[in-house]
């Protein structure tokens, strides 16, 4: 199973966005996101692509879920490992 990782859009340059994931900034592509995004919006990132804009009313609960997942995980926790892998893979794809 692959998970997307939520992050906050910091800046946009064409089809690339700089997104902050818990203090880690990565550039991701906006080619396939489901609706337009702007700085300050949150998106769901999957291997370097924004796949969904997260509605403002959902972001608090979404971030809490991921923070809990990462904080409470062990080395054997495959879901947390997948999230960490997504963070590591969020490099620009050309």
N, C-alpha and C. Protein backbone atom coordinates (compact mmCIF):
# COMPACT_ATOMS: atom_id res chain seq x y z
N UNK A 1 0.85 -1.17 0.00
CA UNK A 1 0.00 0.00 0.00
C UNK A 1 0.89 1.23 0.00
N UNK A 2 0.51 2.21 -0.77
CA UNK A 2 1.24 3.48 -0.80
C UNK A 2 0.35 4.58 -0.26
N UNK A 3 0.94 5.45 0.53
CA UNK A 3 0.21 6.57 1.10
C UNK A 3 0.70 7.88 0.53
N UNK A 4 -0.18 8.85 0.46
CA UNK A 4 0.24 10.20 0.16
C UNK A 4 0.59 10.88 1.48
N UNK A 5 1.36 11.95 1.38
CA UNK A 5 1.78 12.69 2.57
C UNK A 5 1.31 14.13 2.43
N UNK A 6 0.63 14.66 3.46
CA UNK A 6 0.15 16.04 3.38
C UNK A 6 1.28 17.04 3.61
N UNK A 7 1.21 18.15 2.88
CA UNK A 7 2.18 19.22 3.07
C UNK A 7 1.58 20.56 2.69
N UNK A 8 2.20 21.61 3.19
CA UNK A 8 1.71 22.97 2.96
C UNK A 8 2.48 23.61 1.81
N UNK A 9 1.73 24.12 0.83
CA UNK A 9 2.33 24.78 -0.32
C UNK A 9 2.92 26.12 0.14
N UNK A 10 4.21 26.31 -0.12
CA UNK A 10 4.91 27.52 0.26
C UNK A 10 4.97 28.49 -0.92
N UNK A 11 5.32 27.96 -2.09
CA UNK A 11 5.39 28.81 -3.28
C UNK A 11 5.16 27.98 -4.52
N UNK A 12 4.73 28.64 -5.58
CA UNK A 12 4.44 27.96 -6.84
C UNK A 12 5.20 28.65 -7.96
N UNK A 13 5.81 27.83 -8.83
CA UNK A 13 6.51 28.33 -10.01
C UNK A 13 6.10 27.44 -11.17
N UNK A 14 5.09 27.88 -11.90
CA UNK A 14 4.58 27.07 -13.02
C UNK A 14 3.91 25.82 -12.51
N UNK A 15 4.44 24.65 -12.95
CA UNK A 15 3.87 23.37 -12.51
C UNK A 15 4.60 22.79 -11.30
N UNK A 16 5.55 23.56 -10.74
CA UNK A 16 6.26 23.09 -9.55
C UNK A 16 5.84 23.90 -8.33
N UNK A 17 5.75 23.21 -7.21
CA UNK A 17 5.43 23.87 -5.95
C UNK A 17 6.47 23.48 -4.91
N UNK A 18 6.88 24.43 -4.11
CA UNK A 18 7.69 24.13 -2.94
C UNK A 18 6.72 23.86 -1.81
N UNK A 19 6.83 22.68 -1.21
CA UNK A 19 5.88 22.23 -0.20
C UNK A 19 6.65 21.85 1.07
N UNK A 20 6.11 22.25 2.21
CA UNK A 20 6.71 21.96 3.50
C UNK A 20 6.03 20.75 4.12
N UNK A 21 6.84 19.74 4.44
CA UNK A 21 6.38 18.52 5.10
C UNK A 21 7.08 18.44 6.45
N UNK A 22 6.45 18.94 7.48
CA UNK A 22 7.01 18.91 8.84
C UNK A 22 8.45 19.43 8.87
N UNK A 23 8.67 20.56 8.22
CA UNK A 23 9.99 21.19 8.23
C UNK A 23 10.90 20.76 7.10
N UNK A 24 10.51 19.75 6.34
CA UNK A 24 11.28 19.31 5.17
C UNK A 24 10.61 19.91 3.94
N UNK A 25 11.37 20.70 3.19
CA UNK A 25 10.81 21.31 1.99
C UNK A 25 11.26 20.56 0.76
N UNK A 26 10.29 20.26 -0.08
CA UNK A 26 10.53 19.55 -1.33
C UNK A 26 9.79 20.25 -2.45
N UNK A 27 10.30 20.08 -3.67
CA UNK A 27 9.55 20.55 -4.82
C UNK A 27 8.75 19.37 -5.34
N UNK A 28 7.47 19.62 -5.61
CA UNK A 28 6.61 18.59 -6.18
C UNK A 28 5.90 19.16 -7.39
N UNK A 29 5.42 18.28 -8.21
CA UNK A 29 4.74 18.69 -9.45
C UNK A 29 3.24 18.85 -9.21
N UNK A 30 2.66 19.75 -9.99
CA UNK A 30 1.23 20.05 -9.88
C UNK A 30 0.44 19.57 -11.10
N UNK A 31 1.04 18.78 -11.96
CA UNK A 31 0.41 18.34 -13.21
C UNK A 31 -0.93 17.64 -13.02
N UNK A 32 -1.05 16.83 -11.98
CA UNK A 32 -2.23 15.97 -11.88
C UNK A 32 -3.11 16.27 -10.68
N UNK A 33 -2.84 17.33 -9.96
CA UNK A 33 -3.65 17.66 -8.79
C UNK A 33 -5.10 17.88 -9.22
N UNK A 34 -6.03 17.54 -8.35
CA UNK A 34 -7.45 17.54 -8.71
C UNK A 34 -8.10 18.91 -8.86
N UNK A 35 -7.47 19.97 -8.33
CA UNK A 35 -7.98 21.32 -8.47
C UNK A 35 -6.85 22.31 -8.26
N UNK A 36 -7.02 23.56 -8.67
CA UNK A 36 -5.95 24.54 -8.51
C UNK A 36 -5.55 24.72 -7.04
N UNK A 37 -4.25 24.98 -6.83
CA UNK A 37 -3.75 25.23 -5.49
C UNK A 37 -3.02 26.57 -5.47
N UNK A 38 -2.91 27.13 -4.28
CA UNK A 38 -2.23 28.41 -4.07
C UNK A 38 -1.36 28.29 -2.84
N UNK A 39 -0.37 29.18 -2.69
CA UNK A 39 0.41 29.17 -1.45
C UNK A 39 -0.51 29.24 -0.23
N UNK A 40 -0.19 28.41 0.76
CA UNK A 40 -1.01 28.32 1.96
C UNK A 40 -1.94 27.13 1.94
N UNK A 41 -2.24 26.59 0.75
CA UNK A 41 -3.06 25.39 0.65
C UNK A 41 -2.26 24.17 1.09
N UNK A 42 -2.97 23.11 1.46
CA UNK A 42 -2.36 21.83 1.75
C UNK A 42 -2.70 20.87 0.63
N UNK A 43 -1.71 20.06 0.25
CA UNK A 43 -1.92 19.06 -0.79
C UNK A 43 -1.46 17.71 -0.28
N UNK A 44 -1.95 16.67 -0.93
CA UNK A 44 -1.51 15.32 -0.65
C UNK A 44 -0.48 14.96 -1.71
N UNK A 45 0.73 14.64 -1.29
CA UNK A 45 1.84 14.34 -2.19
C UNK A 45 2.01 12.82 -2.29
N UNK A 46 2.22 12.37 -3.51
CA UNK A 46 2.53 10.96 -3.73
C UNK A 46 3.68 10.90 -4.73
N UNK A 47 4.82 10.42 -4.28
CA UNK A 47 6.06 10.31 -5.06
C UNK A 47 6.35 11.53 -5.93
N UNK A 48 6.26 12.71 -5.32
CA UNK A 48 6.65 13.92 -6.02
C UNK A 48 5.56 14.62 -6.79
N UNK A 49 4.33 14.13 -6.70
CA UNK A 49 3.19 14.75 -7.38
C UNK A 49 2.10 15.09 -6.38
N UNK A 50 1.57 16.30 -6.51
CA UNK A 50 0.38 16.65 -5.73
C UNK A 50 -0.80 15.95 -6.40
N UNK A 51 -1.47 15.10 -5.64
CA UNK A 51 -2.58 14.35 -6.23
C UNK A 51 -3.95 14.86 -5.77
N UNK A 52 -3.95 15.66 -4.71
CA UNK A 52 -5.23 16.15 -4.19
C UNK A 52 -4.99 17.38 -3.34
N UNK A 53 -5.83 18.38 -3.51
CA UNK A 53 -5.84 19.53 -2.61
C UNK A 53 -6.69 19.13 -1.41
N UNK A 54 -6.15 19.33 -0.20
CA UNK A 54 -6.89 18.96 1.01
C UNK A 54 -7.75 20.14 1.41
N UNK A 55 -9.06 19.95 1.52
CA UNK A 55 -9.94 21.05 1.92
C UNK A 55 -9.54 21.62 3.28
N UNK A 56 -9.61 22.94 3.43
CA UNK A 56 -9.20 23.57 4.70
C UNK A 56 -9.88 22.98 5.93
N UNK A 57 -11.13 22.57 5.80
CA UNK A 57 -11.85 22.03 6.96
C UNK A 57 -11.36 20.63 7.35
N UNK A 58 -10.57 19.99 6.49
CA UNK A 58 -10.06 18.64 6.77
C UNK A 58 -8.61 18.62 7.23
N UNK A 59 -7.88 19.72 7.08
CA UNK A 59 -6.44 19.67 7.28
C UNK A 59 -6.05 19.38 8.73
N UNK A 60 -6.75 19.96 9.71
CA UNK A 60 -6.40 19.73 11.11
C UNK A 60 -6.43 18.26 11.47
N UNK A 61 -7.50 17.60 11.13
CA UNK A 61 -7.65 16.18 11.44
C UNK A 61 -6.63 15.34 10.65
N UNK A 62 -6.39 15.72 9.41
CA UNK A 62 -5.43 14.98 8.58
C UNK A 62 -4.03 15.06 9.17
N UNK A 63 -3.59 16.28 9.53
CA UNK A 63 -2.26 16.44 10.10
C UNK A 63 -2.11 15.71 11.43
N UNK A 64 -3.14 15.76 12.26
CA UNK A 64 -3.10 15.05 13.54
C UNK A 64 -2.92 13.55 13.33
N UNK A 65 -3.61 13.00 12.36
CA UNK A 65 -3.51 11.58 12.07
C UNK A 65 -2.08 11.20 11.68
N UNK A 66 -1.49 11.97 10.77
CA UNK A 66 -0.13 11.66 10.33
C UNK A 66 0.89 11.89 11.44
N UNK A 67 0.74 12.96 12.20
CA UNK A 67 1.66 13.21 13.31
C UNK A 67 1.61 12.09 14.33
N UNK A 68 0.42 11.61 14.63
CA UNK A 68 0.26 10.49 15.56
C UNK A 68 0.90 9.23 14.99
N UNK A 69 0.68 8.98 13.72
CA UNK A 69 1.25 7.82 13.06
C UNK A 69 2.77 7.83 13.16
N UNK A 70 3.39 8.97 12.89
CA UNK A 70 4.84 9.06 12.92
C UNK A 70 5.40 9.02 14.34
N UNK A 71 4.72 9.66 15.28
CA UNK A 71 5.20 9.72 16.66
C UNK A 71 5.11 8.37 17.37
N UNK A 72 4.07 7.61 17.08
CA UNK A 72 3.82 6.36 17.79
C UNK A 72 4.38 5.13 17.09
N UNK A 73 5.12 5.32 16.01
CA UNK A 73 5.55 4.17 15.21
C UNK A 73 6.84 3.55 15.74
N UNK A 74 7.01 2.29 15.36
CA UNK A 74 8.24 1.56 15.65
C UNK A 74 8.91 1.26 14.31
N UNK A 75 10.09 0.68 14.37
CA UNK A 75 10.80 0.32 13.14
C UNK A 75 10.03 -0.71 12.31
N UNK A 76 9.18 -1.49 12.97
CA UNK A 76 8.42 -2.52 12.26
C UNK A 76 7.11 -2.00 11.68
N UNK A 77 6.76 -0.77 11.95
CA UNK A 77 5.49 -0.19 11.51
C UNK A 77 5.57 0.13 10.02
N UNK A 78 4.95 -0.72 9.20
CA UNK A 78 5.06 -0.57 7.75
C UNK A 78 4.37 0.69 7.23
N UNK A 79 3.26 1.10 7.86
CA UNK A 79 2.56 2.29 7.40
C UNK A 79 3.41 3.54 7.63
N UNK A 80 4.01 3.65 8.82
CA UNK A 80 4.89 4.79 9.11
C UNK A 80 6.10 4.77 8.20
N UNK A 81 6.63 3.59 7.93
CA UNK A 81 7.77 3.48 7.02
C UNK A 81 7.39 3.96 5.63
N UNK A 82 6.16 3.68 5.21
CA UNK A 82 5.69 4.13 3.91
C UNK A 82 5.60 5.66 3.87
N UNK A 83 5.11 6.28 4.93
CA UNK A 83 5.04 7.74 5.00
C UNK A 83 6.44 8.33 4.95
N UNK A 84 7.35 7.76 5.71
CA UNK A 84 8.74 8.25 5.69
C UNK A 84 9.34 8.09 4.30
N UNK A 85 9.02 7.00 3.63
CA UNK A 85 9.49 6.78 2.26
C UNK A 85 8.94 7.82 1.30
N UNK A 86 7.68 8.18 1.48
CA UNK A 86 7.08 9.24 0.65
C UNK A 86 7.81 10.56 0.86
N UNK A 87 8.13 10.88 2.10
CA UNK A 87 8.87 12.12 2.38
C UNK A 87 10.23 12.09 1.68
N UNK A 88 10.90 10.96 1.73
CA UNK A 88 12.21 10.85 1.11
C UNK A 88 12.13 10.88 -0.42
N UNK A 89 11.02 10.39 -0.98
CA UNK A 89 10.88 10.31 -2.43
C UNK A 89 10.32 11.57 -3.06
N UNK A 90 10.03 12.59 -2.26
CA UNK A 90 9.37 13.77 -2.78
C UNK A 90 10.25 14.73 -3.56
N UNK A 91 11.21 14.20 -4.28
CA UNK A 91 12.09 15.03 -5.08
C UNK A 91 11.41 15.37 -6.40
N UNK A 92 11.89 16.38 -7.08
CA UNK A 92 11.33 16.79 -8.37
C UNK A 92 11.55 15.68 -9.39
N UNK A 93 10.49 15.31 -10.07
CA UNK A 93 10.55 14.34 -11.16
C UNK A 93 10.53 15.11 -12.47
N UNK A 94 11.49 14.86 -13.32
CA UNK A 94 11.55 15.56 -14.61
C UNK A 94 11.33 14.62 -15.75
